[in-house]
């Protein structure tokens, strides 16, 4: 792994994804990792990002920085999710190109694919249909990043590529009920209901949508796997290739936590996309596959939640 001797900048290295990649790179022997906090470098500031790149001169850039959130956050702040993500990724991609960075890896999200995409979702289905309205702004921003990297990869012949992970979860997740994704939100709801006498837990929608979940440590492993190879494609899916009905996910999490109360489904709240599972044949054909099972990952995440409950990331609406 020659790339481990190079200077690697991880944008968003304190977030769930970035910190997992950082820890695994350290464990694999990376010699020069760079990370900046938002107080030291505002990635929305073009001049500041440009000066940072000129000073640090990284060889490899991993873009794990984004303004993220669940259905409620995306639906409530569409302008902020669109504009801030565009600013962050445009600055990183453009400065990396201008400073002749050897390798740029852009991390997106499976929400970039059409709401009614044929399942499982192939990379080729990008822009083949309309998006899920509740996170359209975030998806549009990420699609712009994918297309920018693709243009650099195809037209400028530089190794700027993108990976689209499925729904992520794991240590350092966001457990705030106003801005979190479904899995960490369920962990918190079931835990709090359990310690309050196994009160009923109210969950959004019908419980019928199907979702795929990837442990963040598996994503970190995929990132390192890909950095060690010359990219064949400008865009790759990363996931498990398996999905689960949200009702069954709730029952699984309820069992791990030991909650014994009732589950109530609030049908007045949105379900989102009916089904979303990734076709991961391209990355599998290259020799990578996920290692962490869903039950194992939920158990590990709940253990981390309990160990860190007093210092959890609650509201994280900004980088």
Protein backbone atom coordinates (compact mmCIF):
# COMPACT_ATOMS: atom_id res chain seq x y z
CA UNK A 1 0.00 0.00 0.00
CA UNK A 2 2.30 2.73 -1.29
CA UNK A 3 -0.39 5.40 -0.82
CA UNK A 4 0.03 5.10 2.98
CA UNK A 5 3.34 6.96 2.65
CA UNK A 6 1.67 9.91 0.94
CA UNK A 7 0.13 13.03 2.49
CA UNK A 8 -3.60 12.33 2.97
CA UNK A 9 -6.11 15.05 3.79
CA UNK A 10 -9.48 13.91 5.17
CA UNK A 11 -12.07 16.68 4.94
CA UNK A 12 -14.61 16.15 7.70
CA UNK A 13 -12.25 13.98 9.76
CA UNK A 14 -14.21 14.53 12.98
CA UNK A 15 -17.53 13.29 11.61
CA UNK A 16 -18.76 9.70 11.75
CA UNK A 17 -17.40 8.80 8.30
CA UNK A 18 -14.21 10.85 8.36
CA UNK A 19 -13.20 9.72 11.84
CA UNK A 20 -13.72 6.07 10.92
CA UNK A 21 -11.52 6.47 7.82
CA UNK A 22 -8.92 8.31 9.91
CA UNK A 23 -8.78 5.56 12.56
CA UNK A 24 -8.47 2.79 9.99
CA UNK A 25 -5.78 4.60 8.00
CA UNK A 26 -3.83 5.09 11.25
CA UNK A 27 -4.23 1.41 12.07
CA UNK A 28 -3.00 0.44 8.57
CA UNK A 29 0.13 2.58 8.96
CA UNK A 30 -0.63 5.89 7.24
CA UNK A 31 2.37 8.17 7.80
CA UNK A 32 0.92 11.64 7.16
CA UNK A 33 -2.74 12.40 7.86
CA UNK A 34 -4.14 15.93 7.77
CA UNK A 35 -7.39 17.04 9.36
CA UNK A 36 -8.86 20.43 10.20
CA UNK A 37 -11.77 21.37 12.45
CA UNK A 38 -14.48 23.74 11.24
CA UNK A 39 -13.18 26.39 13.64
CA UNK A 40 -9.77 26.25 11.93
CA UNK A 41 -10.99 25.96 8.34
CA UNK A 42 -14.47 26.85 7.06
CA UNK A 43 -14.80 24.66 3.98
CA UNK A 44 -17.51 26.99 2.66
CA UNK A 45 -14.90 29.75 2.35
CA UNK A 46 -13.23 29.50 -1.06
CA UNK A 47 -10.23 31.67 -0.24
CA UNK A 48 -9.54 29.87 3.03
CA UNK A 49 -9.68 26.46 1.33
CA UNK A 50 -7.40 27.67 -1.47
CA UNK A 51 -4.81 28.94 1.02
CA UNK A 52 -5.01 25.67 2.94
CA UNK A 53 -4.27 23.60 -0.18
CA UNK A 54 -1.39 25.84 -1.22
CA UNK A 55 0.14 25.50 2.25
CA UNK A 56 -0.44 21.79 2.96
CA UNK A 57 -0.10 20.38 -0.58
CA UNK A 58 -1.84 17.02 0.05
CA UNK A 59 -1.27 14.14 -2.34
CA UNK A 60 -4.63 12.51 -1.65
CA UNK A 61 -7.93 14.12 -0.62
CA UNK A 62 -10.88 12.21 0.84
CA UNK A 63 -14.00 14.38 0.90
CA UNK A 64 -16.08 13.14 3.84
CA UNK A 65 -17.32 16.63 4.72
CA UNK A 66 -20.99 17.45 4.28
CA UNK A 67 -24.02 19.00 5.89
CA UNK A 68 -26.13 15.91 6.62
CA UNK A 69 -29.40 14.98 8.28
CA UNK A 70 -32.52 12.84 8.13
CA UNK A 71 -35.88 13.47 6.42
CA UNK A 72 -36.97 16.21 8.85
CA UNK A 73 -33.72 18.18 8.61
CA UNK A 74 -33.58 17.91 4.81
CA UNK A 75 -37.22 18.88 4.41
CA UNK A 76 -36.93 21.84 6.80
CA UNK A 77 -33.70 23.37 5.47
CA UNK A 78 -33.58 22.65 1.70
CA UNK A 79 -31.66 25.82 0.78
CA UNK A 80 -29.01 25.24 3.44
CA UNK A 81 -28.52 21.59 2.42
CA UNK A 82 -28.17 22.57 -1.23
CA UNK A 83 -25.99 25.66 -0.90
CA UNK A 84 -23.63 24.60 1.89
CA UNK A 85 -22.89 21.23 0.34
CA UNK A 86 -22.24 22.84 -3.04
CA UNK A 87 -19.88 25.35 -1.43
CA UNK A 88 -17.97 22.69 0.51
CA UNK A 89 -17.47 20.22 -2.32
CA UNK A 90 -16.87 22.83 -5.05
CA UNK A 91 -14.10 24.40 -3.01
CA UNK A 92 -12.48 21.06 -2.25
CA UNK A 93 -12.72 19.67 -5.80
CA UNK A 94 -11.59 22.85 -7.54
CA UNK A 95 -8.67 23.53 -5.18
CA UNK A 96 -7.55 19.91 -5.41
CA UNK A 97 -7.57 20.14 -9.19
CA UNK A 98 -5.69 23.45 -9.26
CA UNK A 99 -3.06 22.21 -6.79
CA UNK A 100 -2.55 19.01 -8.81
CA UNK A 101 -3.72 16.56 -6.13
CA UNK A 102 -2.95 12.99 -7.28
CA UNK A 103 -6.12 11.34 -6.02
CA UNK A 104 -9.50 12.77 -4.97
CA UNK A 105 -12.23 10.56 -3.50
CA UNK A 106 -15.69 12.12 -3.21
CA UNK A 107 -18.15 10.49 -0.82
CA UNK A 108 -21.78 10.82 -1.82
CA UNK A 109 -24.99 9.10 -0.80
CA UNK A 110 -27.41 6.59 -2.27
CA UNK A 111 -30.09 9.32 -2.20
CA UNK A 112 -28.60 10.65 -5.47
CA UNK A 113 -30.44 7.91 -7.34
CA UNK A 114 -34.03 8.29 -8.61
CA UNK A 115 -36.86 7.64 -6.16
CA UNK A 116 -38.31 4.94 -8.42
CA UNK A 117 -35.04 3.49 -9.69
CA UNK A 118 -35.04 -0.17 -10.71
CA UNK A 119 -33.78 -2.26 -7.79
CA UNK A 120 -31.02 -3.05 -7.03
CA UNK A 121 -29.66 0.33 -8.10
CA UNK A 122 -26.81 0.32 -10.61
CA UNK A 123 -24.41 3.25 -10.99
CA UNK A 124 -25.78 3.78 -14.50
CA UNK A 125 -29.21 4.74 -13.11
CA UNK A 126 -27.95 8.15 -11.97
CA UNK A 127 -30.13 10.95 -13.47
CA UNK A 128 -32.56 8.44 -15.01
CA UNK A 129 -35.57 9.75 -13.06
CA UNK A 130 -36.88 12.19 -10.46
CA UNK A 131 -35.48 12.30 -6.93
CA UNK A 132 -37.14 11.74 -3.55
CA UNK A 133 -38.57 15.17 -2.68
CA UNK A 134 -37.72 15.08 1.03
CA UNK A 135 -33.95 15.10 0.39
CA UNK A 136 -33.85 16.50 -3.14
CA UNK A 137 -31.62 19.48 -2.26
CA UNK A 138 -28.93 17.32 -0.66
CA UNK A 139 -29.07 14.87 -3.57
CA UNK A 140 -28.75 17.62 -6.20
CA UNK A 141 -25.65 18.96 -4.47
CA UNK A 142 -24.09 15.50 -4.33
CA UNK A 143 -24.92 14.84 -7.99
CA UNK A 144 -23.07 18.05 -8.89
CA UNK A 145 -20.02 16.74 -7.02
CA UNK A 146 -20.22 13.37 -8.77
CA UNK A 147 -20.43 15.03 -12.18
CA UNK A 148 -17.54 17.40 -11.43
CA UNK A 149 -15.30 14.47 -10.47
CA UNK A 150 -16.50 12.46 -13.47
CA UNK A 151 -15.62 15.31 -15.82
CA UNK A 152 -12.13 15.54 -14.33
CA UNK A 153 -11.72 11.75 -14.51
CA UNK A 154 -12.87 11.44 -18.14
CA UNK A 155 -11.73 14.71 -19.70
CA UNK A 156 -8.70 15.72 -17.68
CA UNK A 157 -7.54 12.12 -17.06
CA UNK A 158 -6.96 12.67 -13.33
CA UNK A 159 -7.95 10.24 -10.59
CA UNK A 160 -10.97 12.11 -9.22
CA UNK A 161 -13.69 9.55 -8.45
CA UNK A 162 -16.83 9.13 -6.35
CA UNK A 163 -18.29 6.41 -4.16
CA UNK A 164 -21.93 6.16 -3.16
CA UNK A 165 -22.49 4.38 0.16
CA UNK A 166 -25.85 3.08 1.29
CA UNK A 167 -27.35 4.27 4.61
CA UNK A 168 -24.49 4.49 7.10
CA UNK A 169 -24.47 3.93 10.85
CA UNK A 170 -21.99 3.21 13.62
CA UNK A 171 -19.84 4.93 16.28
CA UNK A 172 -19.96 8.74 16.33
CA UNK A 173 -23.33 8.79 14.59
CA UNK A 174 -25.77 11.66 15.17
CA UNK A 175 -28.47 10.63 17.67
CA UNK A 176 -30.38 13.92 17.71
CA UNK A 177 -34.04 13.20 16.97
CA UNK A 178 -34.44 16.41 14.92
CA UNK A 179 -31.61 15.74 12.51
CA UNK A 180 -30.59 12.05 12.68
CA UNK A 181 -31.18 9.22 10.26
CA UNK A 182 -33.56 6.36 10.93
CA UNK A 183 -31.26 3.79 12.58
CA UNK A 184 -29.60 6.02 15.23
CA UNK A 185 -32.96 7.72 15.88
CA UNK A 186 -34.49 4.31 16.62
CA UNK A 187 -31.64 3.39 18.96
CA UNK A 188 -32.19 6.55 20.98
CA UNK A 189 -36.00 6.24 21.01
CA UNK A 190 -36.00 2.60 22.13
CA UNK A 191 -33.32 3.26 24.75
CA UNK A 192 -35.12 6.23 26.28
CA UNK A 193 -38.47 4.41 26.24
CA UNK A 194 -36.86 1.39 27.90
CA UNK A 195 -35.37 3.37 30.80
CA UNK A 196 -38.69 5.18 31.22
CA UNK A 197 -40.63 2.01 31.98
CA UNK A 198 -40.83 0.50 28.50
CA UNK A 199 -43.13 3.21 27.19
CA UNK A 200 -44.54 2.85 23.65
CA UNK A 201 -42.26 4.02 20.85
CA UNK A 202 -43.76 6.08 18.02
CA UNK A 203 -42.00 5.74 14.66
CA UNK A 204 -42.54 7.55 11.37
CA UNK A 205 -44.55 6.21 8.45
CA UNK A 206 -45.86 2.73 7.76
CA UNK A 207 -42.69 0.74 8.40
CA UNK A 208 -42.96 -0.85 4.94
CA UNK A 209 -40.07 0.86 3.08
CA UNK A 210 -36.97 -1.24 2.47
CA UNK A 211 -33.54 0.11 3.29
CA UNK A 212 -29.93 -1.07 3.12
CA UNK A 213 -27.54 -0.29 5.97
CA UNK A 214 -23.73 -0.26 5.84
CA UNK A 215 -21.57 -0.07 8.95
CA UNK A 216 -19.25 2.92 8.76
CA UNK A 217 -16.20 0.73 9.41
CA UNK A 218 -17.04 -1.25 6.27
CA UNK A 219 -17.15 2.00 4.32
CA UNK A 220 -13.74 2.99 5.73
CA UNK A 221 -12.41 -0.40 4.67
CA UNK A 222 -13.80 0.15 1.14
CA UNK A 223 -12.14 3.58 0.94
CA UNK A 224 -8.73 2.13 1.81
CA UNK A 225 -9.30 -0.80 -0.55
CA UNK A 226 -10.01 1.63 -3.42
CA UNK A 227 -7.10 3.96 -2.64
CA UNK A 228 -4.79 0.99 -3.15
CA UNK A 229 -6.07 0.46 -6.71
CA UNK A 230 -6.04 2.43 -9.94
CA UNK A 231 -9.70 3.39 -10.42
CA UNK A 232 -11.57 1.79 -13.30
CA UNK A 233 -14.81 3.74 -12.86
CA UNK A 234 -15.65 7.36 -12.01
CA UNK A 235 -18.52 6.19 -9.77
CA UNK A 236 -18.86 3.12 -7.55
CA UNK A 237 -21.61 1.94 -5.19
CA UNK A 238 -20.56 0.70 -1.76
CA UNK A 239 -23.04 -1.25 0.33
CA UNK A 240 -24.08 -4.70 1.46
CA UNK A 241 -26.40 -5.51 -1.42
CA UNK A 242 -29.12 -6.52 1.08
CA UNK A 243 -32.07 -4.54 2.39
CA UNK A 244 -34.49 -4.85 5.29
CA UNK A 245 -38.04 -3.61 5.90
CA UNK A 246 -38.09 -0.72 8.37
CA UNK A 247 -40.56 -2.66 10.57
CA UNK A 248 -38.09 -5.53 10.82
CA UNK A 249 -35.25 -3.09 11.53
CA UNK A 250 -37.30 -1.66 14.39
CA UNK A 251 -37.91 -5.11 15.86
CA UNK A 252 -34.19 -5.94 15.55
CA UNK A 253 -33.15 -2.73 17.33
CA UNK A 254 -35.86 -3.21 19.96
CA UNK A 255 -34.46 -6.67 20.67
CA UNK A 256 -30.85 -5.49 20.94
CA UNK A 257 -31.85 -2.74 23.36
CA UNK A 258 -34.24 -4.88 25.37
CA UNK A 259 -37.27 -2.60 25.05
CA UNK A 260 -40.48 -4.45 25.87
CA UNK A 261 -43.11 -1.85 25.01
CA UNK A 262 -45.38 -1.27 22.03
CA UNK A 263 -44.29 0.10 18.63
CA UNK A 264 -46.72 2.65 17.13
CA UNK A 265 -46.42 3.66 13.48
CA UNK A 266 -47.40 7.25 12.68
CA UNK A 267 -48.88 6.98 9.19
CA UNK A 268 -49.25 10.75 8.95
CA UNK A 269 -45.48 11.05 8.59
CA UNK A 270 -43.60 10.38 5.32
CA UNK A 271 -42.04 7.05 4.37
CA UNK A 272 -39.58 8.41 1.83
CA UNK A 273 -38.42 6.21 -1.05
CA UNK A 274 -40.26 2.83 -1.10
CA UNK A 275 -37.12 0.74 -1.59
CA UNK A 276 -33.42 1.49 -1.86
CA UNK A 277 -30.80 -1.21 -2.23
CA UNK A 278 -27.51 -0.89 -4.10
CA UNK A 279 -26.06 -3.06 -6.83
CA UNK A 280 -22.49 -3.56 -5.60
CA UNK A 281 -21.32 -5.95 -8.31
CA UNK A 282 -18.64 -3.57 -9.62
CA UNK A 283 -16.78 -3.20 -6.34
CA UNK A 284 -17.33 -6.89 -5.51
CA UNK A 285 -15.75 -7.84 -8.85
CA UNK A 286 -12.69 -5.85 -7.75
CA UNK A 287 -12.37 -8.01 -4.62
CA UNK A 288 -14.12 -6.03 -1.85
CA UNK A 289 -17.07 -7.12 0.27
CA UNK A 290 -18.59 -5.91 3.59
CA UNK A 291 -17.75 -7.73 6.81
CA UNK A 292 -20.08 -6.41 9.54
CA UNK A 293 -23.55 -8.01 9.76
CA UNK A 294 -26.49 -5.75 10.61
CA UNK A 295 -27.21 -7.35 13.99
CA UNK A 296 -23.51 -7.21 14.90
CA UNK A 297 -23.28 -3.59 13.81
CA UNK A 298 -26.40 -2.51 15.75
CA UNK A 299 -25.15 -4.29 18.87
CA UNK A 300 -21.77 -2.57 18.58
CA UNK A 301 -23.37 0.82 17.90
CA UNK A 302 -25.67 0.54 20.93
CA UNK A 303 -22.69 -0.37 23.09
CA UNK A 304 -20.90 2.77 21.85
CA UNK A 305 -24.06 4.81 22.46
CA UNK A 306 -24.19 3.66 26.10
CA UNK A 307 -20.50 4.38 26.64
CA UNK A 308 -20.80 7.89 25.19
CA UNK A 309 -24.33 8.88 26.20
CA UNK A 310 -23.16 11.88 28.24
CA UNK A 311 -21.23 13.43 25.36
CA UNK A 312 -23.29 12.50 22.33
CA UNK A 313 -23.45 14.63 19.23
CA UNK A 314 -26.99 15.94 19.57
CA UNK A 315 -27.60 18.85 17.21
CA UNK A 316 -25.24 18.88 14.22
CA UNK A 317 -26.81 21.02 11.55
CA UNK A 318 -23.46 22.45 10.43
CA UNK A 319 -20.02 21.07 9.59
